[in-house]
Amino acid sequence: MTLLIAMSLLLSVTIVAAAILATRSSQSLAVSILSAGLVSLLASVQFLLLAAPDVAMTEAAIGSGLTTFLFFFVLGRVRGGEHD
């Protein structure tokens, strides 16, 4: 029981640190995108620890995977100057 609480506390602190990094890293958009993806991935681990595997899988697939990919795709198109 105490191991679960310790892991949950460690994950919560890491999520807050990654969220601060995502909002404060003004030098690189790639670092911000990766930090936001890390927040989502750690949140999915937290959901798994809280015995919600369906929510954890959805958060990992959509929040961490798809959203991070979409942000990098849009960033590449904006930096490349491509037009439709």
Protein backbone atom coordinates (compact mmCIF):
# COMPACT_ATOMS: atom_id res chain seq x y z
CA MET A 1 0.00 0.00 0.00
CA THR A 2 2.74 2.45 0.86
CA LEU A 3 4.61 1.53 -2.34
CA LEU A 4 1.53 2.49 -4.36
CA ILE A 5 1.32 5.83 -2.57
CA ALA A 6 5.03 6.49 -3.08
CA MET A 7 4.82 5.67 -6.79
CA SER A 8 1.74 7.83 -7.18
CA LEU A 9 3.45 10.75 -5.44
CA LEU A 10 6.57 10.36 -7.57
CA LEU A 11 4.48 10.27 -10.75
CA SER A 12 2.53 13.34 -9.67
CA VAL A 13 5.70 15.33 -9.02
CA THR A 14 7.14 14.23 -12.36
CA ILE A 15 3.93 15.19 -14.17
CA VAL A 16 4.02 18.67 -12.63
CA ALA A 17 7.71 19.08 -13.53
CA ALA A 18 7.09 18.01 -17.14
CA ALA A 19 4.09 20.35 -17.37
CA ILE A 20 6.19 23.26 -16.14
CA LEU A 21 8.87 22.37 -18.68
CA ALA A 22 6.25 22.23 -21.44
CA THR A 23 4.95 25.69 -20.64
CA ARG A 24 8.27 27.37 -19.85
CA SER A 25 10.54 26.09 -22.63
CA SER A 26 10.29 29.00 -25.02
CA GLN A 27 13.54 28.17 -26.82
CA SER A 28 12.38 25.00 -28.55
CA LEU A 29 8.91 23.99 -29.63
CA ALA A 30 10.07 20.38 -29.98
CA VAL A 31 10.94 20.27 -26.27
CA SER A 32 7.52 21.68 -25.42
CA ILE A 33 5.77 19.09 -27.58
CA LEU A 34 7.78 16.21 -26.12
CA SER A 35 7.16 17.46 -22.58
CA ALA A 36 3.42 17.64 -23.21
CA GLY A 37 3.54 14.10 -24.58
CA LEU A 38 5.44 13.01 -21.47
CA VAL A 39 2.75 14.52 -19.26
CA SER A 40 0.14 12.49 -21.08
CA LEU A 41 2.19 9.30 -20.96
CA LEU A 42 2.82 9.67 -17.22
CA ALA A 43 -0.86 10.38 -16.68
CA SER A 44 -1.67 7.10 -18.40
CA VAL A 45 0.68 5.29 -16.00
CA GLN A 46 -1.07 7.05 -13.12
CA PHE A 47 -4.44 5.85 -14.42
CA LEU A 48 -3.05 2.33 -14.60
CA LEU A 49 -1.96 2.53 -10.96
CA LEU A 50 -5.45 3.73 -10.05
CA ALA A 51 -6.91 0.54 -11.61
CA ALA A 52 -8.41 2.19 -14.69
CA PRO A 53 -6.75 0.33 -17.58
CA ASP A 54 -9.29 1.43 -20.19
CA VAL A 55 -8.68 5.10 -19.43
CA ALA A 56 -4.93 4.47 -19.35
CA MET A 57 -4.95 2.87 -22.79
CA THR A 58 -7.03 5.68 -24.26
CA GLU A 59 -4.79 8.34 -22.73
CA ALA A 60 -1.65 6.61 -24.00
CA ALA A 61 -2.99 6.15 -27.52
CA ILE A 62 -4.75 9.47 -28.06
CA GLY A 63 -3.17 11.85 -25.56
CA SER A 64 0.41 10.75 -25.86
CA GLY A 65 0.69 9.11 -29.26
CA LEU A 66 -1.70 10.79 -31.65
CA THR A 67 -1.54 14.30 -30.22
CA THR A 68 2.26 14.35 -30.14
CA PHE A 69 2.41 13.08 -33.71
CA LEU A 70 -0.14 15.68 -34.82
CA PHE A 71 1.79 18.52 -33.16
CA PHE A 72 5.04 17.46 -34.85
CA PHE A 73 3.26 17.09 -38.19
CA VAL A 74 1.82 20.60 -37.97
CA LEU A 75 5.15 22.01 -36.77
CA GLY A 76 6.87 20.47 -39.79
CA ARG A 77 4.32 21.95 -42.18
CA VAL A 78 4.53 25.39 -40.57
CA ARG A 79 8.33 25.42 -40.62
CA GLY A 80 8.45 24.04 -44.15
CA GLY A 81 6.15 26.73 -45.47
CA GLU A 82 4.01 24.22 -47.40
CA HIS A 83 0.66 25.35 -48.75
CA ASP A 84 -2.26 23.27 -49.98
